[in-house]
Amino acid sequence: MIYRNRKFLRIINESSVFKLKAETISTPVNIMPTIVQVEINTTSVDSNHAERDKHLRGEDFLDVSNYPKAQFESTDFKSNGEGGGLLMGNLTLHGATNPVIIDVQYMGHGSDPWGGYRRGFEGTTRISLEDYGINYNLGPKSREVELMLFIEGIRQKGQPPS
């Protein structure tokens, strides 16, 4: 899940949620993700306000009819040695690709009640909407968006423990 947060009309924080599909998340023995490929369904944006969602999906912002997906692909990872680090990669949104750095924190791992094994990660980054060709003006506090990522990885059947 990706949680988007930005100032709305310079008054309050406005938040939305996107659904995502992880194509690949590779976590070797050192626990931290090293290869990450994620597809984000931009049509899934949900701010819990139908009219706002319609506007976010429209041409002023995500333009989902032309750009129904966004993508992230990692290029490098630098561990901080304390269960976290910086995940570098390229984010493609609204037809533009730019490098981003995600501050990642390992949250834990363990067996689930269904016989699977899971690992959790959280991450944050900030992007400038203008860098992605999104120029709709809601004031200076709305030009940047904070992205908060909450990722739960499930080991695929037949994969060795790591």
C-alpha atoms as a PDB file:
ATOM      1  CA  MET A   1       0.000   0.000   0.000  1.00  0.00           C
ATOM      2  CA  ILE A   2       1.188   3.504  -0.725  1.00  0.00           C
ATOM      3  CA  TYR A   3      -0.161   6.335   1.356  1.00  0.00           C
ATOM      4  CA  ARG A   4       0.043   9.805  -0.219  1.00  0.00           C
ATOM      5  CA  ASN A   5       0.027  12.924   1.938  1.00  0.00           C
ATOM      6  CA  ARG A   6       0.076  16.586   0.924  1.00  0.00           C
ATOM      7  CA  LYS A   7      -1.196  19.934   2.067  1.00  0.00           C
ATOM      8  CA  PHE A   8      -4.634  20.767   0.666  1.00  0.00           C
ATOM      9  CA  LEU A   9      -5.349  24.439   0.024  1.00  0.00           C
ATOM     10  CA  ARG A  10      -2.489  25.245   2.443  1.00  0.00           C
ATOM     11  CA  ILE A  11      -4.809  24.336   5.327  1.00  0.00           C
ATOM     12  CA  ILE A  12      -4.900  20.628   6.098  1.00  0.00           C
ATOM     13  CA  ASN A  13      -3.112  17.438   5.158  1.00  0.00           C
ATOM     14  CA  GLU A  14      -4.987  15.470   2.522  1.00  0.00           C
ATOM     15  CA  SER A  15      -4.255  11.764   2.241  1.00  0.00           C
ATOM     16  CA  SER A  16      -4.947   9.023  -0.279  1.00  0.00           C
ATOM     17  CA  VAL A  17      -4.168   5.341  -0.627  1.00  0.00           C
ATOM     18  CA  PHE A  18      -3.008   3.467  -3.743  1.00  0.00           C
ATOM     19  CA  LYS A  19      -3.034  -0.282  -4.277  1.00  0.00           C
ATOM     20  CA  LEU A  20       0.135  -1.790  -5.648  1.00  0.00           C
ATOM     21  CA  LYS A  21       1.408  -5.043  -7.041  1.00  0.00           C
ATOM     22  CA  ALA A  22       4.961  -6.062  -6.307  1.00  0.00           C
ATOM     23  CA  GLU A  23       6.431  -7.800  -9.286  1.00  0.00           C
ATOM     24  CA  THR A  24       9.658  -8.582  -7.438  1.00  0.00           C
ATOM     25  CA  ILE A  25      10.951  -7.936  -3.977  1.00  0.00           C
ATOM     26  CA  SER A  26      14.199  -9.779  -3.354  1.00  0.00           C
ATOM     27  CA  THR A  27      15.454  -9.877   0.217  1.00  0.00           C
ATOM     28  CA  PRO A  28      18.632 -11.874   0.732  1.00  0.00           C
ATOM     29  CA  VAL A  29      19.990 -13.049   4.071  1.00  0.00           C
ATOM     30  CA  ASN A  30      20.761  -9.480   5.170  1.00  0.00           C
ATOM     31  CA  ILE A  31      16.974  -8.864   5.375  1.00  0.00           C
ATOM     32  CA  MET A  32      16.800  -5.587   3.432  1.00  0.00           C
ATOM     33  CA  PRO A  33      15.268  -5.398  -0.060  1.00  0.00           C
ATOM     34  CA  THR A  34      17.850  -5.249  -2.821  1.00  0.00           C
ATOM     35  CA  ILE A  35      15.775  -5.759  -5.950  1.00  0.00           C
ATOM     36  CA  VAL A  36      12.367  -4.115  -6.022  1.00  0.00           C
ATOM     37  CA  GLN A  37       9.953  -3.785  -8.941  1.00  0.00           C
ATOM     38  CA  VAL A  38       6.517  -2.414  -8.103  1.00  0.00           C
ATOM     39  CA  GLU A  39       3.505  -1.502 -10.234  1.00  0.00           C
ATOM     40  CA  ILE A  40       1.039   1.036  -8.809  1.00  0.00           C
ATOM     41  CA  ASN A  41      -2.527   1.108 -10.056  1.00  0.00           C
ATOM     42  CA  THR A  42      -3.179   4.878 -10.261  1.00  0.00           C
ATOM     43  CA  THR A  43      -6.891   4.259 -10.837  1.00  0.00           C
ATOM     44  CA  SER A  44      -7.039   2.813  -7.302  1.00  0.00           C
ATOM     45  CA  VAL A  45      -6.450   6.189  -5.606  1.00  0.00           C
ATOM     46  CA  ASP A  46      -8.802   6.486  -2.632  1.00  0.00           C
ATOM     47  CA  SER A  47      -8.941   9.595  -0.435  1.00  0.00           C
ATOM     48  CA  ASN A  48     -12.284   8.615   1.107  1.00  0.00           C
ATOM     49  CA  HIS A  49     -13.916  11.483  -0.817  1.00  0.00           C
ATOM     50  CA  ALA A  50     -15.513  10.548  -4.171  1.00  0.00           C
ATOM     51  CA  GLU A  51     -15.363  14.000  -5.789  1.00  0.00           C
ATOM     52  CA  ARG A  52     -11.728  14.500  -4.767  1.00  0.00           C
ATOM     53  CA  ASP A  53     -10.873  11.037  -6.128  1.00  0.00           C
ATOM     54  CA  LYS A  54     -12.525  11.934  -9.436  1.00  0.00           C
ATOM     55  CA  HIS A  55     -10.408  15.106  -9.615  1.00  0.00           C
ATOM     56  CA  LEU A  56      -7.205  13.226  -8.673  1.00  0.00           C
ATOM     57  CA  ARG A  57      -7.875  10.655 -11.423  1.00  0.00           C
ATOM     58  CA  GLY A  58      -8.528  13.396 -13.999  1.00  0.00           C
ATOM     59  CA  GLU A  59      -6.226  15.342 -16.298  1.00  0.00           C
ATOM     60  CA  ASP A  60      -5.217  17.879 -13.609  1.00  0.00           C
ATOM     61  CA  PHE A  61      -3.374  15.222 -11.601  1.00  0.00           C
ATOM     62  CA  LEU A  62      -2.919  11.512 -12.377  1.00  0.00           C
ATOM     63  CA  ASP A  63      -4.680  11.465 -15.774  1.00  0.00           C
ATOM     64  CA  VAL A  64      -5.458   7.768 -15.305  1.00  0.00           C
ATOM     65  CA  SER A  65      -7.046   7.408 -18.755  1.00  0.00           C
ATOM     66  CA  ASN A  66      -3.576   7.993 -20.246  1.00  0.00           C
ATOM     67  CA  TYR A  67      -1.433   6.756 -17.328  1.00  0.00           C
ATOM     68  CA  PRO A  68      -3.282   3.947 -15.491  1.00  0.00           C
ATOM     69  CA  LYS A  69      -0.075   2.620 -13.938  1.00  0.00           C
ATOM     70  CA  ALA A  70       2.959   4.022 -12.188  1.00  0.00           C
ATOM     71  CA  GLN A  71       6.118   2.000 -11.611  1.00  0.00           C
ATOM     72  CA  PHE A  72       9.096   1.879  -9.299  1.00  0.00           C
ATOM     73  CA  GLU A  73      12.279  -0.073 -10.021  1.00  0.00           C
ATOM     74  CA  SER A  74      15.209  -0.092  -7.626  1.00  0.00           C
ATOM     75  CA  THR A  75      18.763   0.630  -8.738  1.00  0.00           C
ATOM     76  CA  ASP A  76      20.722   0.381  -5.463  1.00  0.00           C
ATOM     77  CA  PHE A  77      20.438  -0.028  -1.709  1.00  0.00           C
ATOM     78  CA  LYS A  78      22.667   1.453   1.003  1.00  0.00           C
ATOM     79  CA  SER A  79      22.231  -0.079   4.451  1.00  0.00           C
ATOM     80  CA  ASN A  80      22.525   2.127   7.513  1.00  0.00           C
ATOM     81  CA  GLY A  81      23.499  -0.914   9.606  1.00  0.00           C
ATOM     82  CA  GLU A  82      20.555  -0.369  11.952  1.00  0.00           C
ATOM     83  CA  GLY A  83      17.733  -2.244  10.213  1.00  0.00           C
ATOM     84  CA  GLY A  84      17.171   0.385   7.585  1.00  0.00           C
ATOM     85  CA  GLY A  85      18.748   2.230   4.743  1.00  0.00           C
ATOM     86  CA  LEU A  86      18.214   4.094   1.507  1.00  0.00           C
ATOM     87  CA  LEU A  87      16.587   2.388  -1.474  1.00  0.00           C
ATOM     88  CA  MET A  88      17.426   4.208  -4.693  1.00  0.00           C
ATOM     89  CA  GLY A  89      15.415   3.754  -7.845  1.00  0.00           C
ATOM     90  CA  ASN A  90      13.365   5.240 -10.643  1.00  0.00           C
ATOM     91  CA  LEU A  91       9.727   6.227 -10.245  1.00  0.00           C
ATOM     92  CA  THR A  92       7.623   6.519 -13.382  1.00  0.00           C
ATOM     93  CA  LEU A  93       4.456   8.544 -12.846  1.00  0.00           C
ATOM     94  CA  HIS A  94       2.309  10.482 -15.299  1.00  0.00           C
ATOM     95  CA  GLY A  95       4.628   9.473 -18.158  1.00  0.00           C
ATOM     96  CA  ALA A  96       7.793  10.866 -16.555  1.00  0.00           C
ATOM     97  CA  THR A  97      10.611   8.913 -14.896  1.00  0.00           C
ATOM     98  CA  ASN A  98      12.753  10.424 -12.160  1.00  0.00           C
ATOM     99  CA  PRO A  99      15.180   9.055  -9.586  1.00  0.00           C
ATOM    100  CA  VAL A 100      13.909   8.808  -6.014  1.00  0.00           C
ATOM    101  CA  ILE A 101      15.469   7.802  -2.714  1.00  0.00           C
ATOM    102  CA  ILE A 102      13.256   5.944  -0.258  1.00  0.00           C
ATOM    103  CA  ASP A 103      14.212   5.860   3.416  1.00  0.00           C
ATOM    104  CA  VAL A 104      13.422   2.223   4.287  1.00  0.00           C
ATOM    105  CA  GLN A 105      12.967   0.636   7.706  1.00  0.00           C
ATOM    106  CA  TYR A 106      12.741  -3.115   8.297  1.00  0.00           C
ATOM    107  CA  MET A 107       9.736  -3.796  10.564  1.00  0.00           C
ATOM    108  CA  GLY A 108      10.028  -7.533  11.263  1.00  0.00           C
ATOM    109  CA  HIS A 109       9.303 -11.009   9.973  1.00  0.00           C
ATOM    110  CA  GLY A 110       7.660 -14.251  10.957  1.00  0.00           C
ATOM    111  CA  SER A 111       5.308 -17.088  10.170  1.00  0.00           C
ATOM    112  CA  ASP A 112       1.657 -16.317   9.551  1.00  0.00           C
ATOM    113  CA  PRO A 113      -1.365 -18.432  10.616  1.00  0.00           C
ATOM    114  CA  TRP A 114      -1.782 -19.798   7.061  1.00  0.00           C
ATOM    115  CA  GLY A 115       1.616 -21.480   6.809  1.00  0.00           C
ATOM    116  CA  GLY A 116       3.325 -18.603   5.031  1.00  0.00           C
ATOM    117  CA  TYR A 117       6.237 -16.415   5.989  1.00  0.00           C
ATOM    118  CA  ARG A 118       6.149 -12.608   5.856  1.00  0.00           C
ATOM    119  CA  ARG A 119       8.472  -9.623   6.129  1.00  0.00           C
ATOM    120  CA  GLY A 120       7.416  -6.041   6.690  1.00  0.00           C
ATOM    121  CA  PHE A 121       8.995  -2.793   5.559  1.00  0.00           C
ATOM    122  CA  GLU A 122       8.063   0.864   5.770  1.00  0.00           C
ATOM    123  CA  GLY A 123       9.472   3.673   3.682  1.00  0.00           C
ATOM    124  CA  THR A 124       9.083   7.374   3.019  1.00  0.00           C
ATOM    125  CA  THR A 125      10.083   9.771   0.274  1.00  0.00           C
ATOM    126  CA  ARG A 126       9.018  13.155  -1.098  1.00  0.00           C
ATOM    127  CA  ILE A 127       8.438  13.996  -4.741  1.00  0.00           C
ATOM    128  CA  SER A 128       7.771  17.236  -6.571  1.00  0.00           C
ATOM    129  CA  LEU A 129       4.619  17.004  -8.678  1.00  0.00           C
ATOM    130  CA  GLU A 130       6.154  19.357 -11.230  1.00  0.00           C
ATOM    131  CA  ASP A 131       8.930  16.792 -11.891  1.00  0.00           C
ATOM    132  CA  TYR A 132       6.207  14.469 -13.169  1.00  0.00           C
ATOM    133  CA  GLY A 133       4.399  17.033 -15.319  1.00  0.00           C
ATOM    134  CA  ILE A 134       1.621  17.595 -12.762  1.00  0.00           C
ATOM    135  CA  ASN A 135       1.273  21.368 -12.622  1.00  0.00           C
ATOM    136  CA  TYR A 136      -2.161  21.959 -11.096  1.00  0.00           C
ATOM    137  CA  ASN A 137      -1.723  24.704  -8.515  1.00  0.00           C
ATOM    138  CA  LEU A 138      -3.275  24.341  -5.065  1.00  0.00           C
ATOM    139  CA  GLY A 139      -0.691  26.638  -3.495  1.00  0.00           C
ATOM    140  CA  PRO A 140       2.982  26.360  -2.560  1.00  0.00           C
ATOM    141  CA  LYS A 141       2.431  23.780   0.206  1.00  0.00           C
ATOM    142  CA  SER A 142       0.854  21.404  -2.330  1.00  0.00           C
ATOM    143  CA  ARG A 143       3.742  21.244  -4.776  1.00  0.00           C
ATOM    144  CA  GLU A 144       5.427  18.375  -2.983  1.00  0.00           C
ATOM    145  CA  VAL A 145       3.888  15.073  -1.983  1.00  0.00           C
ATOM    146  CA  GLU A 146       5.083  12.789   0.773  1.00  0.00           C
ATOM    147  CA  LEU A 147       4.784   9.106  -0.102  1.00  0.00           C
ATOM    148  CA  MET A 148       4.607   6.615   2.757  1.00  0.00           C
ATOM    149  CA  LEU A 149       4.985   2.972   1.830  1.00  0.00           C
ATOM    150  CA  PHE A 150       3.811   0.017   3.903  1.00  0.00           C
ATOM    151  CA  ILE A 151       5.036  -3.210   2.334  1.00  0.00           C
ATOM    152  CA  GLU A 152       4.353  -6.763   3.421  1.00  0.00           C
ATOM    153  CA  GLY A 153       6.261  -9.405   1.497  1.00  0.00           C
ATOM    154  CA  ILE A 154       5.117 -13.020   1.459  1.00  0.00           C
ATOM    155  CA  ARG A 155       7.666 -15.716   0.616  1.00  0.00           C
ATOM    156  CA  GLN A 156       6.632 -17.625  -2.468  1.00  0.00           C
ATOM    157  CA  LYS A 157       6.044 -21.342  -2.074  1.00  0.00           C
ATOM    158  CA  GLY A 158       9.161 -23.348  -2.821  1.00  0.00           C
ATOM    159  CA  GLN A 159      11.541 -20.455  -2.099  1.00  0.00           C
ATOM    160  CA  PRO A 160      14.316 -21.218   0.377  1.00  0.00           C
ATOM    161  CA  PRO A 161      14.349 -19.367   3.703  1.00  0.00           C
ATOM    162  CA  SER A 162      16.544 -16.298   3.720  1.00  0.00           C
END
